Amino acid sequence: MIAIVDYNMGNLASVQNAFAKLGQETVVESDPEKFKNYDKLVLPGVGAFADAMEHLQERKMIESLREYALSGKYMFGICLGMQLLFESSEEFGFHEGLGIIKGTVTKFDATKFSEPLKIPHMGWNKMFIKNHPLFNGITQEPYLYFVHTYHVNCTNQENSIATTNYGYQFTSAIAHDNILGIQPHPEKSHNNGLKILENFIGL
């Protein structure tokens, strides 16, 4: 069984509906004591990093998520949910994250853009994927749907399993053992996104 973490900061219905299209039953779970009962955990997220960490703290979910990460079971962060897996973010000041993946979350640096581009990075863009089970059966350069102003920087580049170009190359998907994450929204990315979720189900 797959649980989708409900901490009042994610597009839960869209994520659950995407899994339902694949015939996968999911549970929207708000009780951190029950996380350990599930085979896989999905951490979605929409909004600001600091608000998300505050919500997780208020719901006493932080330690439960860290413990789940150590259990060896798969955890999948989506968009802000992926960013929360990292050690810290500079969004509206310095804020500590879950610290499950080594690295930081930083704002797009427009001074490095090779051409005038708008922030946030919003819309369809290409991912340059590495060989990983999350991308089985997907073309080498799939298009997915992005909405974000901040991106992750992995301390260990081996954790980066996909990159995207928006002014410059940034990490758009990560993997470290049983911990996975993706910056775009697979639930909004049609066939490519559904295939990623299908692959996650099959892990």
N, C-alpha and C. Protein backbone atom coordinates (compact mmCIF):
# COMPACT_ATOMS: atom_id res chain seq x y z
N MET A 1 0.84 -1.19 0.00
CA MET A 1 0.00 0.00 0.00
C MET A 1 0.88 1.25 0.00
N ILE A 2 0.44 2.25 -0.75
CA ILE A 2 1.16 3.52 -0.85
C ILE A 2 0.39 4.60 -0.10
N ALA A 3 1.10 5.37 0.72
CA ALA A 3 0.48 6.49 1.43
C ALA A 3 0.99 7.81 0.85
N ILE A 4 0.08 8.76 0.74
CA ILE A 4 0.42 10.12 0.35
C ILE A 4 0.33 10.97 1.61
N VAL A 5 1.44 11.62 1.96
CA VAL A 5 1.52 12.37 3.22
C VAL A 5 0.68 13.65 3.13
N ASP A 6 -0.23 13.78 4.07
CA ASP A 6 -1.09 14.96 4.13
C ASP A 6 -0.61 15.87 5.27
N TYR A 7 0.07 16.95 4.89
CA TYR A 7 0.48 17.95 5.89
C TYR A 7 -0.04 19.33 5.50
N ASN A 8 -1.11 19.31 4.69
CA ASN A 8 -1.83 20.53 4.27
C ASN A 8 -0.98 21.45 3.40
N MET A 9 -0.09 20.84 2.58
CA MET A 9 0.75 21.64 1.68
C MET A 9 0.92 20.98 0.31
N GLY A 10 0.04 20.04 -0.04
CA GLY A 10 0.24 19.34 -1.30
C GLY A 10 -1.04 19.25 -2.12
N ASN A 11 -0.86 19.02 -3.41
CA ASN A 11 -2.00 18.84 -4.30
C ASN A 11 -2.41 17.37 -4.24
N LEU A 12 -3.00 16.98 -3.12
CA LEU A 12 -3.22 15.58 -2.82
C LEU A 12 -4.18 14.90 -3.79
N ALA A 13 -5.26 15.58 -4.15
CA ALA A 13 -6.27 14.96 -5.01
C ALA A 13 -5.68 14.62 -6.37
N SER A 14 -4.89 15.52 -6.94
CA SER A 14 -4.30 15.28 -8.26
C SER A 14 -3.34 14.10 -8.22
N VAL A 15 -2.54 14.03 -7.16
CA VAL A 15 -1.59 12.92 -7.03
C VAL A 15 -2.34 11.61 -6.85
N GLN A 16 -3.35 11.62 -6.00
CA GLN A 16 -4.12 10.39 -5.77
C GLN A 16 -4.85 9.96 -7.04
N ASN A 17 -5.38 10.91 -7.79
CA ASN A 17 -6.08 10.59 -9.04
C ASN A 17 -5.14 9.99 -10.07
N ALA A 18 -3.89 10.49 -10.11
CA ALA A 18 -2.92 9.95 -11.06
C ALA A 18 -2.62 8.49 -10.74
N PHE A 19 -2.44 8.18 -9.47
CA PHE A 19 -2.22 6.78 -9.08
C PHE A 19 -3.45 5.93 -9.41
N ALA A 20 -4.65 6.50 -9.21
CA ALA A 20 -5.88 5.76 -9.48
C ALA A 20 -5.99 5.40 -10.97
N LYS A 21 -5.53 6.30 -11.84
CA LYS A 21 -5.54 6.01 -13.28
C LYS A 21 -4.70 4.79 -13.61
N LEU A 22 -3.71 4.53 -12.77
CA LEU A 22 -2.82 3.39 -12.97
C LEU A 22 -3.33 2.15 -12.23
N GLY A 23 -4.50 2.28 -11.61
CA GLY A 23 -5.08 1.16 -10.88
C GLY A 23 -4.46 0.94 -9.51
N GLN A 24 -3.74 1.94 -9.01
CA GLN A 24 -3.06 1.81 -7.72
C GLN A 24 -3.85 2.52 -6.63
N GLU A 25 -4.27 1.79 -5.63
CA GLU A 25 -4.95 2.37 -4.49
C GLU A 25 -3.92 3.09 -3.61
N THR A 26 -4.29 4.25 -3.12
CA THR A 26 -3.44 5.00 -2.19
C THR A 26 -4.27 5.47 -1.01
N VAL A 27 -3.59 5.80 0.07
CA VAL A 27 -4.23 6.34 1.26
C VAL A 27 -3.63 7.71 1.53
N VAL A 28 -4.46 8.71 1.73
CA VAL A 28 -3.98 10.03 2.16
C VAL A 28 -3.84 9.96 3.67
N GLU A 29 -2.61 10.06 4.15
CA GLU A 29 -2.32 9.79 5.56
C GLU A 29 -1.81 11.04 6.28
N SER A 30 -2.47 11.37 7.39
CA SER A 30 -2.06 12.53 8.19
C SER A 30 -1.54 12.13 9.56
N ASP A 31 -1.54 10.83 9.87
CA ASP A 31 -1.07 10.35 11.17
C ASP A 31 0.36 9.80 11.03
N PRO A 32 1.35 10.52 11.56
CA PRO A 32 2.74 10.08 11.38
C PRO A 32 3.03 8.72 12.03
N GLU A 33 2.25 8.33 13.02
CA GLU A 33 2.44 7.04 13.68
C GLU A 33 2.14 5.88 12.72
N LYS A 34 1.38 6.16 11.67
CA LYS A 34 0.97 5.11 10.73
C LYS A 34 1.89 5.01 9.51
N PHE A 35 2.82 5.96 9.35
CA PHE A 35 3.69 5.93 8.17
C PHE A 35 4.38 4.58 8.02
N LYS A 36 4.85 4.04 9.13
CA LYS A 36 5.63 2.80 9.09
C LYS A 36 4.82 1.61 8.59
N ASN A 37 3.51 1.74 8.56
CA ASN A 37 2.65 0.64 8.13
C ASN A 37 2.56 0.50 6.61
N TYR A 38 3.08 1.49 5.87
CA TYR A 38 2.92 1.50 4.42
C TYR A 38 4.19 1.03 3.72
N ASP A 39 3.98 0.46 2.52
CA ASP A 39 5.10 -0.06 1.73
C ASP A 39 5.90 1.05 1.07
N LYS A 40 5.21 2.12 0.68
CA LYS A 40 5.85 3.27 0.04
C LYS A 40 5.18 4.54 0.53
N LEU A 41 5.94 5.62 0.49
CA LEU A 41 5.45 6.91 0.96
C LEU A 41 5.70 7.96 -0.12
N VAL A 42 4.69 8.79 -0.39
CA VAL A 42 4.82 9.90 -1.33
C VAL A 42 4.70 11.19 -0.54
N LEU A 43 5.69 12.08 -0.71
CA LEU A 43 5.69 13.38 -0.05
C LEU A 43 5.48 14.46 -1.11
N PRO A 44 4.24 14.91 -1.31
CA PRO A 44 3.99 15.96 -2.30
C PRO A 44 4.29 17.33 -1.69
N GLY A 45 4.04 18.38 -2.44
CA GLY A 45 4.25 19.71 -1.86
C GLY A 45 4.04 20.83 -2.85
N VAL A 46 3.30 21.84 -2.40
CA VAL A 46 3.08 23.07 -3.18
C VAL A 46 3.15 24.22 -2.18
N GLY A 47 3.98 25.22 -2.48
CA GLY A 47 4.07 26.37 -1.59
C GLY A 47 5.49 26.66 -1.15
N ALA A 48 5.63 27.31 -0.01
CA ALA A 48 6.93 27.77 0.47
C ALA A 48 7.57 26.74 1.40
N PHE A 49 8.88 26.64 1.33
CA PHE A 49 9.66 25.66 2.10
C PHE A 49 9.44 25.83 3.60
N ALA A 50 9.58 27.05 4.10
CA ALA A 50 9.46 27.29 5.55
C ALA A 50 8.08 26.92 6.06
N ASP A 51 7.05 27.27 5.30
CA ASP A 51 5.68 26.92 5.71
C ASP A 51 5.52 25.41 5.76
N ALA A 52 6.09 24.72 4.78
CA ALA A 52 5.98 23.27 4.73
C ALA A 52 6.64 22.63 5.95
N MET A 53 7.86 23.07 6.28
CA MET A 53 8.55 22.52 7.45
C MET A 53 7.78 22.83 8.74
N GLU A 54 7.18 23.99 8.81
CA GLU A 54 6.38 24.34 9.98
C GLU A 54 5.18 23.41 10.11
N HIS A 55 4.53 23.13 8.98
CA HIS A 55 3.38 22.23 9.00
C HIS A 55 3.81 20.83 9.42
N LEU A 56 4.95 20.36 8.90
CA LEU A 56 5.44 19.04 9.29
C LEU A 56 5.76 18.99 10.77
N GLN A 57 6.35 20.08 11.30
CA GLN A 57 6.68 20.15 12.72
C GLN A 57 5.42 20.13 13.57
N GLU A 58 4.43 20.92 13.18
CA GLU A 58 3.19 20.99 13.94
C GLU A 58 2.49 19.64 14.01
N ARG A 59 2.60 18.87 12.94
CA ARG A 59 1.94 17.56 12.87
C ARG A 59 2.84 16.42 13.34
N LYS A 60 4.00 16.80 13.91
CA LYS A 60 4.95 15.81 14.46
C LYS A 60 5.34 14.74 13.44
N MET A 61 5.58 15.20 12.20
CA MET A 61 5.90 14.29 11.10
C MET A 61 7.39 14.19 10.80
N ILE A 62 8.18 15.13 11.27
CA ILE A 62 9.58 15.21 10.84
C ILE A 62 10.35 13.95 11.22
N GLU A 63 10.29 13.56 12.47
CA GLU A 63 11.04 12.38 12.90
C GLU A 63 10.49 11.11 12.26
N SER A 64 9.18 11.05 12.08
CA SER A 64 8.58 9.87 11.44
C SER A 64 9.05 9.73 9.99
N LEU A 65 9.20 10.85 9.29
CA LEU A 65 9.70 10.81 7.91
C LEU A 65 11.17 10.40 7.89
N ARG A 66 11.95 10.92 8.81
CA ARG A 66 13.37 10.53 8.88
C ARG A 66 13.52 9.04 9.20
N GLU A 67 12.69 8.55 10.10
CA GLU A 67 12.73 7.13 10.45
C GLU A 67 12.31 6.27 9.26
N TYR A 68 11.31 6.74 8.53
CA TYR A 68 10.86 5.99 7.35
C TYR A 68 11.98 5.91 6.32
N ALA A 69 12.70 7.00 6.16
CA ALA A 69 13.81 7.03 5.19
C ALA A 69 14.86 5.99 5.53
N LEU A 70 15.06 5.74 6.82
CA LEU A 70 16.06 4.78 7.27
C LEU A 70 15.55 3.34 7.21
N SER A 71 14.27 3.17 6.96
CA SER A 71 13.67 1.83 6.98
C SER A 71 14.01 1.01 5.74
N GLY A 72 14.46 1.69 4.67
CA GLY A 72 14.74 1.00 3.43
C GLY A 72 13.56 0.98 2.48
N LYS A 73 12.39 1.40 2.95
CA LYS A 73 11.22 1.49 2.08
C LYS A 73 11.32 2.75 1.22
N TYR A 74 10.68 2.71 0.05
CA TYR A 74 10.80 3.83 -0.89
C TYR A 74 9.97 5.03 -0.45
N MET A 75 10.62 6.19 -0.51
CA MET A 75 9.97 7.48 -0.28
C MET A 75 10.19 8.35 -1.52
N PHE A 76 9.13 9.01 -1.99
CA PHE A 76 9.17 9.75 -3.24
C PHE A 76 8.69 11.17 -3.02
N GLY A 77 9.59 12.15 -3.12
CA GLY A 77 9.23 13.55 -2.99
C GLY A 77 8.89 14.17 -4.32
N ILE A 78 7.81 14.94 -4.38
CA ILE A 78 7.37 15.59 -5.61
C ILE A 78 7.40 17.10 -5.42
N CYS A 79 8.10 17.80 -6.32
CA CYS A 79 8.20 19.27 -6.33
C CYS A 79 8.73 19.76 -4.98
N LEU A 80 7.97 20.54 -4.24
CA LEU A 80 8.42 21.00 -2.93
C LEU A 80 8.76 19.81 -2.02
N GLY A 81 8.03 18.72 -2.19
CA GLY A 81 8.30 17.52 -1.41
C GLY A 81 9.71 17.01 -1.61
N MET A 82 10.23 17.11 -2.84
CA MET A 82 11.62 16.73 -3.09
C MET A 82 12.57 17.70 -2.39
N GLN A 83 12.29 18.99 -2.47
CA GLN A 83 13.16 19.99 -1.85
C GLN A 83 13.24 19.80 -0.34
N LEU A 84 12.16 19.39 0.28
CA LEU A 84 12.13 19.19 1.73
C LEU A 84 13.07 18.08 2.18
N LEU A 85 13.41 17.17 1.28
CA LEU A 85 14.31 16.07 1.62
C LEU A 85 15.73 16.56 1.90
N PHE A 86 16.06 17.78 1.46
CA PHE A 86 17.42 18.30 1.55
C PHE A 86 17.69 18.96 2.91
N GLU A 87 18.95 19.34 3.11
CA GLU A 87 19.38 19.85 4.42
C GLU A 87 18.85 21.23 4.73
N SER A 88 18.77 22.11 3.71
CA SER A 88 18.33 23.47 3.99
C SER A 88 17.85 24.16 2.72
N SER A 89 17.15 25.27 2.91
CA SER A 89 16.69 26.11 1.80
C SER A 89 16.95 27.57 2.14
N GLU A 90 17.20 28.36 1.11
CA GLU A 90 17.40 29.80 1.29
C GLU A 90 16.13 30.59 0.93
N GLU A 91 15.00 29.88 0.79
CA GLU A 91 13.75 30.56 0.41
C GLU A 91 13.25 31.42 1.57
N PHE A 92 13.25 32.75 1.39
CA PHE A 92 12.83 33.71 2.42
C PHE A 92 13.63 33.52 3.70
N GLY A 93 14.97 33.40 3.55
CA GLY A 93 15.84 33.20 4.69
C GLY A 93 16.33 31.76 4.75
N PHE A 94 17.12 31.47 5.78
CA PHE A 94 17.67 30.12 5.93
C PHE A 94 16.70 29.25 6.73
N HIS A 95 16.40 28.07 6.19
CA HIS A 95 15.50 27.15 6.87
C HIS A 95 16.02 25.73 6.74
N GLU A 96 16.04 25.01 7.84
CA GLU A 96 16.47 23.62 7.82
C GLU A 96 15.40 22.73 7.21
N GLY A 97 15.88 21.71 6.44
CA GLY A 97 14.98 20.74 5.87
C GLY A 97 15.03 19.43 6.64
N LEU A 98 14.58 18.37 6.01
CA LEU A 98 14.57 17.06 6.66
C LEU A 98 15.98 16.48 6.78
N GLY A 99 16.90 16.91 5.91
CA GLY A 99 18.28 16.45 5.99
C GLY A 99 18.48 15.00 5.58
N ILE A 100 17.58 14.47 4.78
CA ILE A 100 17.69 13.08 4.32
C ILE A 100 18.67 12.97 3.16
N ILE A 101 18.72 14.01 2.32
CA ILE A 101 19.66 14.09 1.20
C ILE A 101 20.59 15.26 1.47
N LYS A 102 21.88 15.06 1.24
CA LYS A 102 22.84 16.14 1.45
C LYS A 102 22.76 17.14 0.30
N GLY A 103 22.61 18.41 0.65
CA GLY A 103 22.53 19.46 -0.35
C GLY A 103 21.61 20.57 0.10
N THR A 104 21.45 21.57 -0.76
CA THR A 104 20.69 22.77 -0.42
C THR A 104 19.69 23.09 -1.53
N VAL A 105 18.80 24.02 -1.19
CA VAL A 105 17.80 24.50 -2.14
C VAL A 105 18.03 25.99 -2.34
N THR A 106 18.24 26.40 -3.60
CA THR A 106 18.56 27.79 -3.90
C THR A 106 17.65 28.34 -4.99
N LYS A 107 17.55 29.65 -5.02
CA LYS A 107 16.72 30.31 -6.03
C LYS A 107 17.44 30.31 -7.37
N PHE A 108 16.69 30.28 -8.45
CA PHE A 108 17.30 30.45 -9.77
C PHE A 108 18.07 31.76 -9.80
N ASP A 109 19.31 31.70 -10.27
CA ASP A 109 20.16 32.87 -10.35
C ASP A 109 20.06 33.45 -11.75
N ALA A 110 19.25 34.50 -11.90
CA ALA A 110 19.00 35.09 -13.21
C ALA A 110 20.26 35.68 -13.83
N THR A 111 21.28 35.98 -13.01
CA THR A 111 22.52 36.53 -13.55
C THR A 111 23.28 35.49 -14.37
N LYS A 112 22.96 34.22 -14.17
CA LYS A 112 23.61 33.15 -14.91
C LYS A 112 22.84 32.74 -16.16
N PHE A 113 21.66 33.32 -16.36
CA PHE A 113 20.84 32.95 -17.51
C PHE A 113 21.51 33.39 -18.81
N SER A 114 21.52 32.52 -19.78
CA SER A 114 22.10 32.84 -21.08
C SER A 114 21.16 33.71 -21.93
N GLU A 115 19.90 33.82 -21.50
CA GLU A 115 18.91 34.65 -22.20
C GLU A 115 17.88 35.11 -21.17
N PRO A 116 17.14 36.20 -21.47
CA PRO A 116 16.14 36.66 -20.51
C PRO A 116 15.04 35.62 -20.30
N LEU A 117 14.85 35.18 -19.08
CA LEU A 117 13.85 34.18 -18.75
C LEU A 117 13.07 34.61 -17.52
N LYS A 118 11.83 34.17 -17.45
CA LYS A 118 10.99 34.52 -16.32
C LYS A 118 11.19 33.54 -15.16
N ILE A 119 11.10 34.07 -13.96
CA ILE A 119 11.08 33.26 -12.76
C ILE A 119 9.71 33.52 -12.10
N PRO A 120 8.93 32.49 -11.77
CA PRO A 120 9.31 31.09 -11.67
C PRO A 120 9.44 30.39 -13.03
N HIS A 121 10.12 29.28 -13.00
CA HIS A 121 10.20 28.37 -14.14
C HIS A 121 8.86 27.63 -14.19
N MET A 122 8.07 27.93 -15.22
CA MET A 122 6.72 27.39 -15.28
C MET A 122 6.42 26.89 -16.68
N GLY A 123 5.90 25.66 -16.76
CA GLY A 123 5.48 25.10 -18.03
C GLY A 123 6.24 23.82 -18.36
N TRP A 124 6.14 23.41 -19.61
CA TRP A 124 6.74 22.16 -20.06
C TRP A 124 8.21 22.36 -20.38
N ASN A 125 9.03 21.44 -19.91
CA ASN A 125 10.46 21.50 -20.21
C ASN A 125 11.01 20.08 -20.26
N LYS A 126 12.17 19.98 -20.88
CA LYS A 126 12.80 18.68 -21.12
C LYS A 126 13.66 18.26 -19.94
N MET A 127 13.63 16.97 -19.63
CA MET A 127 14.54 16.39 -18.64
C MET A 127 15.56 15.52 -19.35
N PHE A 128 16.81 15.63 -18.94
CA PHE A 128 17.87 14.78 -19.46
C PHE A 128 18.13 13.71 -18.40
N ILE A 129 17.64 12.51 -18.65
CA ILE A 129 17.59 11.49 -17.60
C ILE A 129 18.77 10.53 -17.68
N LYS A 130 19.14 10.02 -16.51
CA LYS A 130 20.15 8.98 -16.42
C LYS A 130 19.45 7.62 -16.33
N ASN A 131 20.24 6.57 -16.42
CA ASN A 131 19.69 5.23 -16.31
C ASN A 131 19.29 4.95 -14.86
N HIS A 132 17.99 4.88 -14.62
CA HIS A 132 17.46 4.60 -13.29
C HIS A 132 16.09 3.95 -13.45
N PRO A 133 15.74 3.00 -12.58
CA PRO A 133 14.44 2.32 -12.70
C PRO A 133 13.24 3.26 -12.72
N LEU A 134 13.37 4.44 -12.13
CA LEU A 134 12.27 5.40 -12.14
C LEU A 134 11.93 5.84 -13.57
N PHE A 135 12.89 5.71 -14.48
CA PHE A 135 12.70 6.19 -15.86
C PHE A 135 12.61 5.05 -16.87
N ASN A 136 12.40 3.83 -16.42
CA ASN A 136 12.28 2.71 -17.35
C ASN A 136 11.15 2.95 -18.35
N GLY A 137 11.44 2.69 -19.63
CA GLY A 137 10.42 2.82 -20.66
C GLY A 137 10.11 4.23 -21.09
N ILE A 138 10.93 5.19 -20.65
CA ILE A 138 10.72 6.60 -21.00
C ILE A 138 11.79 7.04 -21.98
N THR A 139 11.40 7.84 -22.95
CA THR A 139 12.36 8.34 -23.93
C THR A 139 13.45 9.13 -23.22
N GLN A 140 14.60 9.24 -23.84
CA GLN A 140 15.79 9.80 -23.21
C GLN A 140 15.62 11.24 -22.75
N GLU A 141 14.78 12.01 -23.43
CA GLU A 141 14.62 13.42 -23.10
C GLU A 141 13.12 13.76 -23.00
N PRO A 142 12.45 13.26 -21.97
CA PRO A 142 11.00 13.49 -21.86
C PRO A 142 10.68 14.92 -21.44
N TYR A 143 9.49 15.38 -21.84
CA TYR A 143 8.98 16.67 -21.38
C TYR A 143 8.06 16.44 -20.19
N LEU A 144 8.22 17.26 -19.14
CA LEU A 144 7.35 17.23 -17.98
C LEU A 144 6.98 18.65 -17.58
N TYR A 145 6.02 18.75 -16.67
CA TYR A 145 5.48 20.06 -16.31
C TYR A 145 6.08 20.57 -15.01
N PHE A 146 6.66 21.78 -15.09
CA PHE A 146 7.36 22.40 -13.95
C PHE A 146 6.63 23.65 -13.46
N VAL A 147 6.69 23.88 -12.16
CA VAL A 147 6.29 25.17 -11.55
C VAL A 147 7.15 25.36 -10.31
N HIS A 148 8.22 26.16 -10.41
CA HIS A 148 9.07 26.38 -9.23
C HIS A 148 10.00 27.57 -9.43
N THR A 149 10.40 28.15 -8.32
CA THR A 149 11.32 29.28 -8.29
C THR A 149 12.68 28.88 -7.73
N TYR A 150 12.70 27.79 -6.97
CA TYR A 150 13.92 27.30 -6.32
C TYR A 150 14.24 25.91 -6.85
N HIS A 151 15.52 25.55 -6.81
CA HIS A 151 15.93 24.23 -7.26
C HIS A 151 16.97 23.65 -6.31
N VAL A 152 17.16 22.35 -6.37
CA VAL A 152 18.08 21.69 -5.45
C VAL A 152 19.50 21.66 -6.01
N ASN A 153 20.46 21.63 -5.09
CA ASN A 153 21.88 21.43 -5.40
C ASN A 153 22.37 20.24 -4.59
N CYS A 154 22.67 19.14 -5.25
CA CYS A 154 23.12 17.94 -4.55
C CYS A 154 24.59 18.07 -4.17
N THR A 155 24.92 17.78 -2.91
CA THR A 155 26.32 17.73 -2.50
C THR A 155 27.04 16.62 -3.24
N ASN A 156 26.39 15.48 -3.35
CA ASN A 156 26.92 14.34 -4.09
C ASN A 156 26.21 14.26 -5.43
N GLN A 157 26.92 14.54 -6.51
CA GLN A 157 26.30 14.58 -7.83
C GLN A 157 25.78 13.22 -8.29
N GLU A 158 26.23 12.15 -7.64
CA GLU A 158 25.68 10.84 -7.96
C GLU A 158 24.21 10.73 -7.58
N ASN A 159 23.76 11.62 -6.70
CA ASN A 159 22.34 11.64 -6.32
C ASN A 159 21.47 12.28 -7.38
N SER A 160 22.07 12.97 -8.33
CA SER A 160 21.31 13.62 -9.41
C SER A 160 21.10 12.62 -10.54
N ILE A 161 19.82 12.28 -10.79
CA ILE A 161 19.52 11.30 -11.85
C ILE A 161 18.84 11.94 -13.06
N ALA A 162 18.63 13.25 -13.01
CA ALA A 162 18.10 13.97 -14.17
C ALA A 162 18.41 15.45 -14.01
N THR A 163 18.63 16.09 -15.14
CA THR A 163 18.84 17.54 -15.14
C THR A 163 17.90 18.18 -16.15
N THR A 164 17.72 19.48 -16.00
CA THR A 164 16.88 20.27 -16.90
C THR A 164 17.59 21.59 -17.14
N ASN A 165 17.42 22.15 -18.31
CA ASN A 165 18.03 23.44 -18.62
C ASN A 165 16.98 24.55 -18.54
N TYR A 166 17.23 25.50 -17.66
CA TYR A 166 16.44 26.73 -17.63
C TYR A 166 17.41 27.85 -17.27
N GLY A 167 17.99 28.44 -18.29
CA GLY A 167 19.06 29.40 -18.08
C GLY A 167 20.39 28.71 -17.87
N TYR A 168 20.38 27.65 -17.09
CA TYR A 168 21.54 26.78 -16.86
C TYR A 168 21.01 25.42 -16.42
N GLN A 169 21.89 24.45 -16.35
CA GLN A 169 21.48 23.10 -15.96
C GLN A 169 21.26 23.03 -14.45
N PHE A 170 20.18 22.41 -14.04
CA PHE A 170 19.93 22.17 -12.63
C PHE A 170 19.39 20.75 -12.46
N THR A 171 19.53 20.22 -11.26
CA THR A 171 19.04 18.87 -10.97
C THR A 171 17.53 18.88 -10.87
N SER A 172 16.90 17.99 -11.63
CA SER A 172 15.43 17.92 -11.63
C SER A 172 14.89 16.59 -11.13
N ALA A 173 15.76 15.65 -10.81
CA ALA A 173 15.33 14.40 -10.15
C ALA A 173 16.51 13.85 -9.38
N ILE A 174 16.21 13.22 -8.24
CA ILE A 174 17.28 12.71 -7.38
C ILE A 174 16.97 11.28 -6.92
N ALA A 175 18.03 10.56 -6.56
CA ALA A 175 17.88 9.23 -6.00
C ALA A 175 19.06 8.94 -5.08
N HIS A 176 18.76 8.41 -3.92
CA HIS A 176 19.79 7.93 -3.00
C HIS A 176 19.22 6.70 -2.31
N ASP A 177 19.64 5.54 -2.79
CA ASP A 177 19.10 4.28 -2.27
C ASP A 177 17.58 4.27 -2.41
N ASN A 178 16.85 4.25 -1.31
CA ASN A 178 15.38 4.18 -1.34
C ASN A 178 14.70 5.54 -1.38
N ILE A 179 15.48 6.62 -1.44
CA ILE A 179 14.92 7.97 -1.43
C ILE A 179 14.95 8.55 -2.84
N LEU A 180 13.78 8.92 -3.34
CA LEU A 180 13.64 9.44 -4.70
C LEU A 180 12.95 10.80 -4.66
N GLY A 181 13.18 11.59 -5.69
CA GLY A 181 12.49 12.87 -5.78
C GLY A 181 12.50 13.39 -7.19
N ILE A 182 11.48 14.20 -7.50
CA ILE A 182 11.37 14.78 -8.83
C ILE A 182 10.82 16.20 -8.71
N GLN A 183 11.43 17.14 -9.43
CA GLN A 183 11.01 18.54 -9.36
C GLN A 183 9.71 18.81 -10.12
N PRO A 184 9.55 18.33 -11.35
CA PRO A 184 8.28 18.58 -12.04
C PRO A 184 7.15 17.77 -11.41
N HIS A 185 5.94 18.05 -11.85
CA HIS A 185 4.76 17.37 -11.33
C HIS A 185 4.39 16.21 -12.25
N PRO A 186 4.68 14.96 -11.85
CA PRO A 186 4.30 13.84 -12.72
C PRO A 186 2.79 13.73 -12.89
N GLU A 187 2.03 14.14 -11.88
CA GLU A 187 0.57 14.05 -11.96
C GLU A 187 -0.02 15.04 -12.95
N LYS A 188 0.80 16.00 -13.43
CA LYS A 188 0.35 16.98 -14.42
C LYS A 188 1.07 16.79 -15.76
N SER A 189 1.84 15.72 -15.87
CA SER A 189 2.74 15.55 -17.02
C SER A 189 2.32 14.45 -17.98
N HIS A 190 1.02 14.16 -18.00
CA HIS A 190 0.44 13.22 -18.98
C HIS A 190 1.18 11.87 -18.97
N ASN A 191 1.43 11.33 -20.15
CA ASN A 191 1.94 9.95 -20.23
C ASN A 191 3.30 9.77 -19.58
N ASN A 192 4.20 10.74 -19.78
CA ASN A 192 5.53 10.60 -19.16
C ASN A 192 5.43 10.60 -17.64
N GLY A 193 4.60 11.47 -17.10
CA GLY A 193 4.44 11.51 -15.66
C GLY A 193 3.81 10.25 -15.11
N LEU A 194 2.79 9.75 -15.81
CA LEU A 194 2.14 8.52 -15.36
C LEU A 194 3.11 7.34 -15.42
N LYS A 195 3.98 7.33 -16.42
CA LYS A 195 4.95 6.24 -16.52
C LYS A 195 5.94 6.29 -15.34
N ILE A 196 6.34 7.48 -14.92
CA ILE A 196 7.22 7.60 -13.77
C ILE A 196 6.53 7.07 -12.52
N LEU A 197 5.25 7.43 -12.34
CA LEU A 197 4.51 6.93 -11.19
C LEU A 197 4.33 5.41 -11.27
N GLU A 198 4.10 4.90 -12.46
CA GLU A 198 3.98 3.46 -12.66
C GLU A 198 5.29 2.76 -12.28
N ASN A 199 6.40 3.34 -12.68
CA ASN A 199 7.70 2.78 -12.31
C ASN A 199 7.92 2.80 -10.80
N PHE A 200 7.48 3.89 -10.16
CA PHE A 200 7.60 3.97 -8.71
C PHE A 200 6.78 2.87 -8.05
N ILE A 201 5.58 2.64 -8.54
CA ILE A 201 4.73 1.57 -8.00
C ILE A 201 5.45 0.22 -8.10
N GLY A 202 6.17 0.02 -9.19
CA GLY A 202 6.80 -1.27 -9.45
C GLY A 202 8.13 -1.51 -8.74
N LEU A 203 8.65 -0.51 -8.06
CA LEU A 203 9.95 -0.67 -7.39
C LEU A 203 9.86 -1.64 -6.22
